[in-house]
Amino acid sequence: MKKIVAIVTVLLVLTVAAVAVAHHAAAGIVDEDIYAMIDDLVADTPHGEMTLIPVGGMTEITIDQVTLVSVERMIEDDLLTYASMLDGDVTVEISFDGPRDVEMVILQEE
């Protein structure tokens, strides 16, 4: 029983340390840099287009005119990681009008 408690304690400490390091890793990156990284991913898609609309305390990033394959590639190239590094509450919505017409909206509320 003592071994189990010790193992659980060590796992909890490692989990807390990993979360602290992961959050700290994004601390030096400002939102403008992240927007640029997302824009670079979209630029690599054949017909993709990114629109950035700041409104008050919110920013809406719309990525449209992309195919399902393009969205999959952007996700593999860390699009969701970049979105999670934005300040505030971030939501991502992906709408499918077919495999050749996908729209992704990233909403950032600061």
Protein backbone atom coordinates (compact mmCIF):
# COMPACT_ATOMS: atom_id res chain seq x y z
CA MET A 1 0.00 0.00 0.00
CA LYS A 2 2.87 2.37 0.80
CA LYS A 3 4.34 1.73 -2.65
CA ILE A 4 1.06 2.64 -4.33
CA VAL A 5 0.80 5.89 -2.37
CA ALA A 6 4.41 6.72 -3.24
CA ILE A 7 3.84 6.00 -6.94
CA VAL A 8 0.67 8.10 -7.05
CA THR A 9 2.46 10.96 -5.29
CA VAL A 10 5.35 10.86 -7.75
CA LEU A 11 2.94 10.79 -10.71
CA LEU A 12 1.04 13.80 -9.34
CA VAL A 13 4.26 15.78 -8.86
CA LEU A 14 5.43 14.94 -12.38
CA THR A 15 2.05 15.91 -13.84
CA VAL A 16 2.07 19.28 -12.07
CA ALA A 17 5.67 19.90 -13.19
CA ALA A 18 4.81 19.03 -16.81
CA VAL A 19 1.83 21.41 -16.83
CA ALA A 20 3.94 24.21 -15.36
CA VAL A 21 6.69 23.71 -17.94
CA ALA A 22 4.23 23.49 -20.85
CA HIS A 23 2.52 26.73 -19.82
CA HIS A 24 5.84 28.49 -19.28
CA ALA A 25 7.09 27.46 -22.73
CA ALA A 26 4.45 29.64 -24.39
CA ALA A 27 4.95 32.59 -22.03
CA GLY A 28 7.40 34.45 -24.28
CA ILE A 29 5.31 34.16 -27.45
CA VAL A 30 2.91 37.02 -28.15
CA ASP A 31 -0.39 36.55 -29.97
CA GLU A 32 0.86 38.35 -33.10
CA ASP A 33 3.60 35.72 -33.49
CA ILE A 34 1.04 32.95 -33.12
CA TYR A 35 -1.25 34.58 -35.70
CA ALA A 36 1.75 34.66 -38.07
CA MET A 37 2.48 30.95 -37.46
CA ILE A 38 -1.16 30.07 -38.22
CA ASP A 39 -1.07 32.27 -41.33
CA ASP A 40 2.06 30.43 -42.52
CA LEU A 41 0.23 27.10 -42.19
CA VAL A 42 -2.72 28.42 -44.19
CA ALA A 43 -0.40 29.89 -46.85
CA ASP A 44 0.85 26.35 -47.57
CA THR A 45 -2.66 25.23 -48.61
CA PRO A 46 -3.57 25.64 -52.31
CA HIS A 47 -6.75 27.69 -51.91
CA GLY A 48 -6.83 28.43 -48.19
CA GLU A 49 -7.59 31.89 -46.94
CA MET A 50 -7.24 33.31 -43.42
CA THR A 51 -9.20 36.30 -42.15
CA LEU A 52 -8.28 37.91 -38.82
CA ILE A 53 -10.97 40.13 -37.30
CA PRO A 54 -10.28 41.85 -33.95
CA VAL A 55 -13.50 43.00 -32.23
CA GLY A 56 -13.23 44.51 -28.74
CA GLY A 57 -11.85 41.84 -26.42
CA MET A 58 -12.29 39.10 -29.03
CA THR A 59 -10.38 38.01 -32.09
CA GLU A 60 -11.90 35.78 -34.74
CA ILE A 61 -9.67 33.86 -37.12
CA THR A 62 -11.54 32.31 -40.03
CA ILE A 63 -9.81 29.79 -42.26
CA ASP A 64 -11.91 28.86 -45.27
CA GLN A 65 -11.76 27.54 -48.80
CA VAL A 66 -9.75 24.56 -47.61
CA THR A 67 -10.20 20.85 -48.18
CA LEU A 68 -10.47 18.20 -45.51
CA VAL A 69 -6.99 16.99 -46.41
CA SER A 70 -5.62 20.54 -45.93
CA VAL A 71 -7.24 20.77 -42.49
CA GLU A 72 -5.78 17.41 -41.53
CA ARG A 73 -2.31 18.56 -42.62
CA MET A 74 -2.59 21.85 -40.70
CA ILE A 75 -3.61 19.93 -37.58
CA GLU A 76 -0.66 17.56 -38.06
CA ASP A 77 1.58 20.63 -38.41
CA ASP A 78 0.46 21.88 -34.95
CA LEU A 79 -2.39 24.27 -35.81
CA LEU A 80 -4.27 23.29 -32.65
CA THR A 81 -1.10 23.65 -30.59
CA TYR A 82 -0.69 27.21 -31.88
CA ALA A 83 -4.35 27.99 -31.18
CA SER A 84 -4.02 26.71 -27.62
CA MET A 85 -1.09 29.09 -27.05
CA LEU A 86 -3.28 32.16 -27.62
CA ASP A 87 -4.17 34.24 -24.54
CA GLY A 88 -7.63 33.98 -22.99
CA ASP A 89 -10.38 31.48 -23.77
CA VAL A 90 -9.98 29.89 -27.18
CA THR A 91 -12.53 27.80 -29.06
CA VAL A 92 -12.13 26.08 -32.41
CA GLU A 93 -15.09 25.22 -34.61
CA ILE A 94 -14.76 23.18 -37.78
CA SER A 95 -17.69 23.17 -40.25
CA PHE A 96 -17.95 20.70 -43.11
CA ASP A 97 -19.92 21.56 -46.23
CA GLY A 98 -18.25 18.65 -47.97
CA PRO A 99 -14.73 17.25 -48.25
CA ARG A 100 -13.68 20.15 -50.50
CA ASP A 101 -15.31 22.94 -48.52
CA VAL A 102 -14.22 23.11 -44.89
CA GLU A 103 -14.25 26.19 -42.68
CA MET A 104 -12.43 26.56 -39.37
CA VAL A 105 -13.14 29.41 -36.95
CA ILE A 106 -10.79 30.09 -34.02
CA LEU A 107 -12.39 32.44 -31.51
CA GLN A 108 -10.14 34.04 -28.89
CA GLU A 109 -11.75 35.88 -25.98
CA GLU A 110 -9.27 37.80 -23.83
